[in-house]
Amino acid sequence: MPRMQVYLPDELYDAVKERELSPSELLQDAVRAKLRHQALLEETDRYLTELIDDIGEPSDEALAKAEALSRRIQTNSPAATC
């Protein structure tokens, strides 16, 4: 298995050591999560491109409705109240 040197800010280094966590496992989990996130974003972009090719660009009215709905969801989401 290849090795990689990683630098952490002092506060992250201290937190990892204080909690006796495995830096290698943390990094592997973080890299896997980031790669999955990027793959999902790329797939979303591909899907949207295909959708636009099939049915065309959304109208200004449709975009306005979508933005209003998005704002309403964000305002009412439990994460927004934390």
PDB file of N, CA and C in Angstrom:
ATOM      1  N   MET A   1       0.849  -1.172   0.000  1.00  0.00           N
ATOM      2  CA  MET A   1       0.000   0.000   0.000  1.00  0.00           C
ATOM      3  C   MET A   1       0.895   1.236   0.000  1.00  0.00           C
ATOM      4  N   PRO A   2       0.653   2.182  -0.906  1.00  0.00           N
ATOM      5  CA  PRO A   2       1.466   3.403  -0.948  1.00  0.00           C
ATOM      6  C   PRO A   2       1.285   4.229   0.325  1.00  0.00           C
ATOM      7  N   ARG A   3       2.295   5.001   0.624  1.00  0.00           N
ATOM      8  CA  ARG A   3       2.243   5.900   1.786  1.00  0.00           C
ATOM      9  C   ARG A   3       2.152   7.335   1.289  1.00  0.00           C
ATOM     10  N   MET A   4       1.551   8.181   2.117  1.00  0.00           N
ATOM     11  CA  MET A   4       1.401   9.592   1.770  1.00  0.00           C
ATOM     12  C   MET A   4       1.594  10.407   3.046  1.00  0.00           C
ATOM     13  N   GLN A   5       2.323  11.489   2.928  1.00  0.00           N
ATOM     14  CA  GLN A   5       2.504  12.372   4.072  1.00  0.00           C
ATOM     15  C   GLN A   5       1.444  13.460   4.007  1.00  0.00           C
ATOM     16  N   VAL A   6       0.775  13.686   5.127  1.00  0.00           N
ATOM     17  CA  VAL A   6      -0.314  14.659   5.191  1.00  0.00           C
ATOM     18  C   VAL A   6      -0.031  15.626   6.334  1.00  0.00           C
ATOM     19  N   TYR A   7      -0.284  16.886   6.099  1.00  0.00           N
ATOM     20  CA  TYR A   7      -0.097  17.908   7.116  1.00  0.00           C
ATOM     21  C   TYR A   7      -1.457  18.361   7.622  1.00  0.00           C
ATOM     22  N   LEU A   8      -1.578  18.489   8.944  1.00  0.00           N
ATOM     23  CA  LEU A   8      -2.813  18.943   9.570  1.00  0.00           C
ATOM     24  C   LEU A   8      -2.544  20.216  10.361  1.00  0.00           C
ATOM     25  N   PRO A   9      -3.518  21.107  10.411  1.00  0.00           N
ATOM     26  CA  PRO A   9      -3.382  22.249  11.318  1.00  0.00           C
ATOM     27  C   PRO A   9      -3.302  21.722  12.760  1.00  0.00           C
ATOM     28  N   ASP A  10      -2.683  22.508  13.617  1.00  0.00           N
ATOM     29  CA  ASP A  10      -2.486  22.071  15.006  1.00  0.00           C
ATOM     30  C   ASP A  10      -3.773  21.614  15.675  1.00  0.00           C
ATOM     31  N   GLU A  11      -4.871  22.342  15.469  1.00  0.00           N
ATOM     32  CA  GLU A  11      -6.117  21.995  16.166  1.00  0.00           C
ATOM     33  C   GLU A  11      -6.665  20.638  15.704  1.00  0.00           C
ATOM     34  N   LEU A  12      -6.507  20.305  14.421  1.00  0.00           N
ATOM     35  CA  LEU A  12      -6.953  18.995  13.955  1.00  0.00           C
ATOM     36  C   LEU A  12      -6.039  17.888  14.480  1.00  0.00           C
ATOM     37  N   TYR A  13      -4.751  18.126  14.435  1.00  0.00           N
ATOM     38  CA  TYR A  13      -3.790  17.152  14.961  1.00  0.00           C
ATOM     39  C   TYR A  13      -4.085  16.867  16.434  1.00  0.00           C
ATOM     40  N   ASP A  14      -4.270  17.932  17.220  1.00  0.00           N
ATOM     41  CA  ASP A  14      -4.546  17.772  18.647  1.00  0.00           C
ATOM     42  C   ASP A  14      -5.841  17.013  18.889  1.00  0.00           C
ATOM     43  N   ALA A  15      -6.883  17.308  18.101  1.00  0.00           N
ATOM     44  CA  ALA A  15      -8.176  16.629  18.268  1.00  0.00           C
ATOM     45  C   ALA A  15      -8.065  15.140  17.951  1.00  0.00           C
ATOM     46  N   VAL A  16      -7.328  14.798  16.900  1.00  0.00           N
ATOM     47  CA  VAL A  16      -7.143  13.385  16.527  1.00  0.00           C
ATOM     48  C   VAL A  16      -6.390  12.662  17.640  1.00  0.00           C
ATOM     49  N   LYS A  17      -5.316  13.255  18.124  1.00  0.00           N
ATOM     50  CA  LYS A  17      -4.519  12.630  19.182  1.00  0.00           C
ATOM     51  C   LYS A  17      -5.325  12.513  20.477  1.00  0.00           C
ATOM     52  N   GLU A  18      -6.051  13.574  20.831  1.00  0.00           N
ATOM     53  CA  GLU A  18      -6.835  13.587  22.065  1.00  0.00           C
ATOM     54  C   GLU A  18      -7.887  12.475  22.075  1.00  0.00           C
ATOM     55  N   ARG A  19      -8.480  12.227  20.920  1.00  0.00           N
ATOM     56  CA  ARG A  19      -9.532  11.207  20.819  1.00  0.00           C
ATOM     57  C   ARG A  19      -8.978   9.817  20.480  1.00  0.00           C
ATOM     58  N   GLU A  20      -7.654   9.744  20.337  1.00  0.00           N
ATOM     59  CA  GLU A  20      -6.977   8.494  20.011  1.00  0.00           C
ATOM     60  C   GLU A  20      -7.565   7.846  18.754  1.00  0.00           C
ATOM     61  N   LEU A  21      -7.779   8.675  17.737  1.00  0.00           N
ATOM     62  CA  LEU A  21      -8.311   8.203  16.460  1.00  0.00           C
ATOM     63  C   LEU A  21      -7.173   7.798  15.536  1.00  0.00           C
ATOM     64  N   SER A  22      -7.480   6.956  14.592  1.00  0.00           N
ATOM     65  CA  SER A  22      -6.488   6.537  13.611  1.00  0.00           C
ATOM     66  C   SER A  22      -6.471   7.526  12.456  1.00  0.00           C
ATOM     67  N   PRO A  23      -5.389   8.279  12.292  1.00  0.00           N
ATOM     68  CA  PRO A  23      -5.325   9.235  11.185  1.00  0.00           C
ATOM     69  C   PRO A  23      -5.495   8.561   9.823  1.00  0.00           C
ATOM     70  N   SER A  24      -4.946   7.375   9.656  1.00  0.00           N
ATOM     71  CA  SER A  24      -5.064   6.679   8.371  1.00  0.00           C
ATOM     72  C   SER A  24      -6.515   6.348   8.057  1.00  0.00           C
ATOM     73  N   GLU A  25      -7.235   5.823   9.048  1.00  0.00           N
ATOM     74  CA  GLU A  25      -8.649   5.483   8.828  1.00  0.00           C
ATOM     75  C   GLU A  25      -9.470   6.736   8.548  1.00  0.00           C
ATOM     76  N   LEU A  26      -9.209   7.799   9.300  1.00  0.00           N
ATOM     77  CA  LEU A  26      -9.933   9.054   9.077  1.00  0.00           C
ATOM     78  C   LEU A  26      -9.704   9.578   7.670  1.00  0.00           C
ATOM     79  N   LEU A  27      -8.459   9.577   7.242  1.00  0.00           N
ATOM     80  CA  LEU A  27      -8.142  10.073   5.910  1.00  0.00           C
ATOM     81  C   LEU A  27      -8.788   9.209   4.834  1.00  0.00           C
ATOM     82  N   GLN A  28      -8.701   7.890   4.995  1.00  0.00           N
ATOM     83  CA  GLN A  28      -9.315   6.992   4.016  1.00  0.00           C
ATOM     84  C   GLN A  28     -10.824   7.234   3.926  1.00  0.00           C
ATOM     85  N   ASP A  29     -11.483   7.360   5.073  1.00  0.00           N
ATOM     86  CA  ASP A  29     -12.924   7.615   5.076  1.00  0.00           C
ATOM     87  C   ASP A  29     -13.255   8.950   4.416  1.00  0.00           C
ATOM     88  N   ALA A  30     -12.454   9.970   4.736  1.00  0.00           N
ATOM     89  CA  ALA A  30     -12.693  11.300   4.170  1.00  0.00           C
ATOM     90  C   ALA A  30     -12.485  11.310   2.661  1.00  0.00           C
ATOM     91  N   VAL A  31     -11.439  10.642   2.201  1.00  0.00           N
ATOM     92  CA  VAL A  31     -11.159  10.596   0.759  1.00  0.00           C
ATOM     93  C   VAL A  31     -12.262   9.828   0.041  1.00  0.00           C
ATOM     94  N   ARG A  32     -12.681   8.693   0.605  1.00  0.00           N
ATOM     95  CA  ARG A  32     -13.782   7.931  -0.007  1.00  0.00           C
ATOM     96  C   ARG A  32     -15.054   8.781  -0.097  1.00  0.00           C
ATOM     97  N   ALA A  33     -15.371   9.484   0.984  1.00  0.00           N
ATOM     98  CA  ALA A  33     -16.578  10.317   1.002  1.00  0.00           C
ATOM     99  C   ALA A  33     -16.481  11.438  -0.038  1.00  0.00           C
ATOM    100  N   LYS A  34     -15.325  12.071  -0.135  1.00  0.00           N
ATOM    101  CA  LYS A  34     -15.141  13.161  -1.099  1.00  0.00           C
ATOM    102  C   LYS A  34     -15.231  12.649  -2.533  1.00  0.00           C
ATOM    103  N   LEU A  35     -14.607  11.501  -2.806  1.00  0.00           N
ATOM    104  CA  LEU A  35     -14.678  10.915  -4.149  1.00  0.00           C
ATOM    105  C   LEU A  35     -16.116  10.540  -4.500  1.00  0.00           C
ATOM    106  N   ARG A  36     -16.851   9.982  -3.552  1.00  0.00           N
ATOM    107  CA  ARG A  36     -18.267   9.640  -3.775  1.00  0.00           C
ATOM    108  C   ARG A  36     -19.073  10.907  -4.054  1.00  0.00           C
ATOM    109  N   HIS A  37     -18.822  11.936  -3.276  1.00  0.00           N
ATOM    110  CA  HIS A  37     -19.516  13.215  -3.462  1.00  0.00           C
ATOM    111  C   HIS A  37     -19.254  13.772  -4.863  1.00  0.00           C
ATOM    112  N   GLN A  38     -18.003  13.760  -5.285  1.00  0.00           N
ATOM    113  CA  GLN A  38     -17.668  14.268  -6.613  1.00  0.00           C
ATOM    114  C   GLN A  38     -18.295  13.412  -7.716  1.00  0.00           C
ATOM    115  N   ALA A  39     -18.315  12.099  -7.531  1.00  0.00           N
ATOM    116  CA  ALA A  39     -18.928  11.216  -8.530  1.00  0.00           C
ATOM    117  C   ALA A  39     -20.421  11.504  -8.648  1.00  0.00           C
ATOM    118  N   LEU A  40     -21.077  11.741  -7.522  1.00  0.00           N
ATOM    119  CA  LEU A  40     -22.506  12.058  -7.552  1.00  0.00           C
ATOM    120  C   LEU A  40     -22.764  13.396  -8.242  1.00  0.00           C
ATOM    121  N   LEU A  41     -21.904  14.376  -7.981  1.00  0.00           N
ATOM    122  CA  LEU A  41     -22.055  15.668  -8.663  1.00  0.00           C
ATOM    123  C   LEU A  41     -21.864  15.525 -10.171  1.00  0.00           C
ATOM    124  N   GLU A  42     -20.869  14.729 -10.566  1.00  0.00           N
ATOM    125  CA  GLU A  42     -20.628  14.502 -11.993  1.00  0.00           C
ATOM    126  C   GLU A  42     -21.820  13.795 -12.634  1.00  0.00           C
ATOM    127  N   GLU A  43     -22.386  12.825 -11.941  1.00  0.00           N
ATOM    128  CA  GLU A  43     -23.554  12.114 -12.463  1.00  0.00           C
ATOM    129  C   GLU A  43     -24.753  13.048 -12.567  1.00  0.00           C
ATOM    130  N   THR A  44     -24.914  13.933 -11.598  1.00  0.00           N
ATOM    131  CA  THR A  44     -25.997  14.922 -11.652  1.00  0.00           C
ATOM    132  C   THR A  44     -25.826  15.838 -12.851  1.00  0.00           C
ATOM    133  N   ASP A  45     -24.600  16.294 -13.087  1.00  0.00           N
ATOM    134  CA  ASP A  45     -24.329  17.150 -14.251  1.00  0.00           C
ATOM    135  C   ASP A  45     -24.659  16.424 -15.555  1.00  0.00           C
ATOM    136  N   ARG A  46     -24.271  15.137 -15.643  1.00  0.00           N
ATOM    137  CA  ARG A  46     -24.578  14.356 -16.850  1.00  0.00           C
ATOM    138  C   ARG A  46     -26.092  14.221 -17.049  1.00  0.00           C
ATOM    139  N   TYR A  47     -26.791  13.938 -15.948  1.00  0.00           N
ATOM    140  CA  TYR A  47     -28.243  13.783 -16.020  1.00  0.00           C
ATOM    141  C   TYR A  47     -28.900  15.086 -16.464  1.00  0.00           C
ATOM    142  N   LEU A  48     -28.478  16.197 -15.882  1.00  0.00           N
ATOM    143  CA  LEU A  48     -29.075  17.483 -16.246  1.00  0.00           C
ATOM    144  C   LEU A  48     -28.791  17.838 -17.704  1.00  0.00           C
ATOM    145  N   THR A  49     -27.603  17.538 -18.173  1.00  0.00           N
ATOM    146  CA  THR A  49     -27.268  17.788 -19.579  1.00  0.00           C
ATOM    147  C   THR A  49     -28.177  16.973 -20.493  1.00  0.00           C
ATOM    148  N   GLU A  50     -28.357  15.696 -20.159  1.00  0.00           N
ATOM    149  CA  GLU A  50     -29.246  14.837 -20.960  1.00  0.00           C
ATOM    150  C   GLU A  50     -30.683  15.346 -20.911  1.00  0.00           C
ATOM    151  N   LEU A  51     -31.118  15.758 -19.731  1.00  0.00           N
ATOM    152  CA  LEU A  51     -32.488  16.259 -19.568  1.00  0.00           C
ATOM    153  C   LEU A  51     -32.707  17.521 -20.396  1.00  0.00           C
ATOM    154  N   ILE A  52     -31.758  18.434 -20.363  1.00  0.00           N
ATOM    155  CA  ILE A  52     -31.866  19.671 -21.147  1.00  0.00           C
ATOM    156  C   ILE A  52     -31.853  19.343 -22.634  1.00  0.00           C
ATOM    157  N   ASP A  53     -31.012  18.381 -23.029  1.00  0.00           N
ATOM    158  CA  ASP A  53     -30.987  17.965 -24.439  1.00  0.00           C
ATOM    159  C   ASP A  53     -32.341  17.393 -24.865  1.00  0.00           C
ATOM    160  N   ASP A  54     -32.989  16.650 -23.957  1.00  0.00           N
ATOM    161  CA  ASP A  54     -34.273  16.001 -24.275  1.00  0.00           C
ATOM    162  C   ASP A  54     -35.451  16.973 -24.277  1.00  0.00           C
ATOM    163  N   ILE A  55     -35.513  17.850 -23.256  1.00  0.00           N
ATOM    164  CA  ILE A  55     -36.715  18.681 -23.132  1.00  0.00           C
ATOM    165  C   ILE A  55     -36.442  20.176 -23.230  1.00  0.00           C
ATOM    166  N   GLY A  56     -35.188  20.564 -23.316  1.00  0.00           N
ATOM    167  CA  GLY A  56     -34.853  21.977 -23.468  1.00  0.00           C
ATOM    168  C   GLY A  56     -34.567  22.654 -22.138  1.00  0.00           C
ATOM    169  N   GLU A  57     -34.096  23.880 -22.239  1.00  0.00           N
ATOM    170  CA  GLU A  57     -33.780  24.685 -21.060  1.00  0.00           C
ATOM    171  C   GLU A  57     -35.066  25.034 -20.306  1.00  0.00           C
ATOM    172  N   PRO A  58     -34.996  25.126 -18.981  1.00  0.00           N
ATOM    173  CA  PRO A  58     -36.184  25.535 -18.225  1.00  0.00           C
ATOM    174  C   PRO A  58     -36.509  27.005 -18.496  1.00  0.00           C
ATOM    175  N   SER A  59     -37.785  27.318 -18.427  1.00  0.00           N
ATOM    176  CA  SER A  59     -38.223  28.707 -18.633  1.00  0.00           C
ATOM    177  C   SER A  59     -37.852  29.547 -17.416  1.00  0.00           C
ATOM    178  N   ASP A  60     -37.887  30.857 -17.579  1.00  0.00           N
ATOM    179  CA  ASP A  60     -37.622  31.753 -16.453  1.00  0.00           C
ATOM    180  C   ASP A  60     -38.638  31.515 -15.339  1.00  0.00           C
ATOM    181  N   GLU A  61     -39.887  31.257 -15.717  1.00  0.00           N
ATOM    182  CA  GLU A  61     -40.935  30.995 -14.725  1.00  0.00           C
ATOM    183  C   GLU A  61     -40.628  29.716 -13.944  1.00  0.00           C
ATOM    184  N   ALA A  62     -40.211  28.669 -14.641  1.00  0.00           N
ATOM    185  CA  ALA A  62     -39.877  27.407 -13.976  1.00  0.00           C
ATOM    186  C   ALA A  62     -38.683  27.586 -13.044  1.00  0.00           C
ATOM    187  N   LEU A  63     -37.680  28.347 -13.473  1.00  0.00           N
ATOM    188  CA  LEU A  63     -36.520  28.615 -12.616  1.00  0.00           C
ATOM    189  C   LEU A  63     -36.922  29.392 -11.370  1.00  0.00           C
ATOM    190  N   ALA A  64     -37.794  30.375 -11.529  1.00  0.00           N
ATOM    191  CA  ALA A  64     -38.250  31.175 -10.391  1.00  0.00           C
ATOM    192  C   ALA A  64     -39.005  30.297  -9.394  1.00  0.00           C
ATOM    193  N   LYS A  65     -39.862  29.411  -9.895  1.00  0.00           N
ATOM    194  CA  LYS A  65     -40.593  28.494  -9.010  1.00  0.00           C
ATOM    195  C   LYS A  65     -39.639  27.566  -8.272  1.00  0.00           C
ATOM    196  N   ALA A  66     -38.646  27.046  -8.981  1.00  0.00           N
ATOM    197  CA  ALA A  66     -37.677  26.142  -8.363  1.00  0.00           C
ATOM    198  C   ALA A  66     -36.861  26.858  -7.288  1.00  0.00           C
ATOM    199  N   GLU A  67     -36.454  28.083  -7.556  1.00  0.00           N
ATOM    200  CA  GLU A  67     -35.695  28.845  -6.571  1.00  0.00           C
ATOM    201  C   GLU A  67     -36.538  29.151  -5.343  1.00  0.00           C
ATOM    202  N   ALA A  68     -37.809  29.494  -5.553  1.00  0.00           N
ATOM    203  CA  ALA A  68     -38.705  29.762  -4.425  1.00  0.00           C
ATOM    204  C   ALA A  68     -38.904  28.501  -3.589  1.00  0.00           C
ATOM    205  N   LEU A  69     -39.083  27.378  -4.242  1.00  0.00           N
ATOM    206  CA  LEU A  69     -39.243  26.116  -3.532  1.00  0.00           C
ATOM    207  C   LEU A  69     -37.975  25.777  -2.752  1.00  0.00           C
ATOM    208  N   SER A  70     -36.833  25.972  -3.363  1.00  0.00           N
ATOM    209  CA  SER A  70     -35.560  25.696  -2.695  1.00  0.00           C
ATOM    210  C   SER A  70     -35.403  26.564  -1.450  1.00  0.00           C
ATOM    211  N   ARG A  71     -35.733  27.845  -1.559  1.00  0.00           N
ATOM    212  CA  ARG A  71     -35.646  28.732  -0.399  1.00  0.00           C
ATOM    213  C   ARG A  71     -36.597  28.284   0.700  1.00  0.00           C
ATOM    214  N   ARG A  72     -37.806  27.879   0.330  1.00  0.00           N
ATOM    215  CA  ARG A  72     -38.791  27.427   1.311  1.00  0.00           C
ATOM    216  C   ARG A  72     -38.304  26.166   2.015  1.00  0.00           C
ATOM    217  N   ILE A  73     -37.729  25.242   1.275  1.00  0.00           N
ATOM    218  CA  ILE A  73     -37.206  24.008   1.861  1.00  0.00           C
ATOM    219  C   ILE A  73     -36.063  24.334   2.817  1.00  0.00           C
ATOM    220  N   GLN A  74     -35.153  25.200   2.389  1.00  0.00           N
ATOM    221  CA  GLN A  74     -34.010  25.556   3.246  1.00  0.00           C
ATOM    222  C   GLN A  74     -34.473  26.254   4.523  1.00  0.00           C
ATOM    223  N   THR A  75     -35.459  27.093   4.422  1.00  0.00           N
ATOM    224  CA  THR A  75     -35.972  27.827   5.579  1.00  0.00           C
ATOM    225  C   THR A  75     -36.639  26.876   6.570  1.00  0.00           C
ATOM    226  N   ASN A  76     -37.310  25.863   6.075  1.00  0.00           N
ATOM    227  CA  ASN A  76     -38.060  24.945   6.934  1.00  0.00           C
ATOM    228  C   ASN A  76     -37.295  23.686   7.316  1.00  0.00           C
ATOM    229  N   SER A  77     -36.065  23.558   6.834  1.00  0.00           N
ATOM    230  CA  SER A  77     -35.308  22.333   7.124  1.00  0.00           C
ATOM    231  C   SER A  77     -34.777  22.365   8.550  1.00  0.00           C
ATOM    232  N   PRO A  78     -34.734  21.194   9.216  1.00  0.00           N
ATOM    233  CA  PRO A  78     -34.198  21.159  10.578  1.00  0.00           C
ATOM    234  C   PRO A  78     -32.750  21.635  10.640  1.00  0.00           C
ATOM    235  N   ALA A  79     -31.971  21.420   9.597  1.00  0.00           N
ATOM    236  CA  ALA A  79     -30.576  21.865   9.592  1.00  0.00           C
ATOM    237  C   ALA A  79     -30.488  23.387   9.646  1.00  0.00           C
ATOM    238  N   ALA A  80     -31.487  24.061   9.079  1.00  0.00           N
ATOM    239  CA  ALA A  80     -31.477  25.531   9.046  1.00  0.00           C
ATOM    240  C   ALA A  80     -31.697  26.118  10.434  1.00  0.00           C
ATOM    241  N   THR A  81     -32.288  25.343  11.337  1.00  0.00           N
ATOM    242  CA  THR A  81     -32.570  25.861  12.674  1.00  0.00           C
ATOM    243  C   THR A  81     -31.466  25.561  13.666  1.00  0.00           C
ATOM    244  N   CYS A  82     -30.441  24.822  13.239  1.00  0.00           N
ATOM    245  CA  CYS A  82     -29.325  24.472  14.161  1.00  0.00           C
ATOM    246  C   CYS A  82     -28.362  25.616  14.298  1.00  0.00           C
TER     247      CYS A  82
END
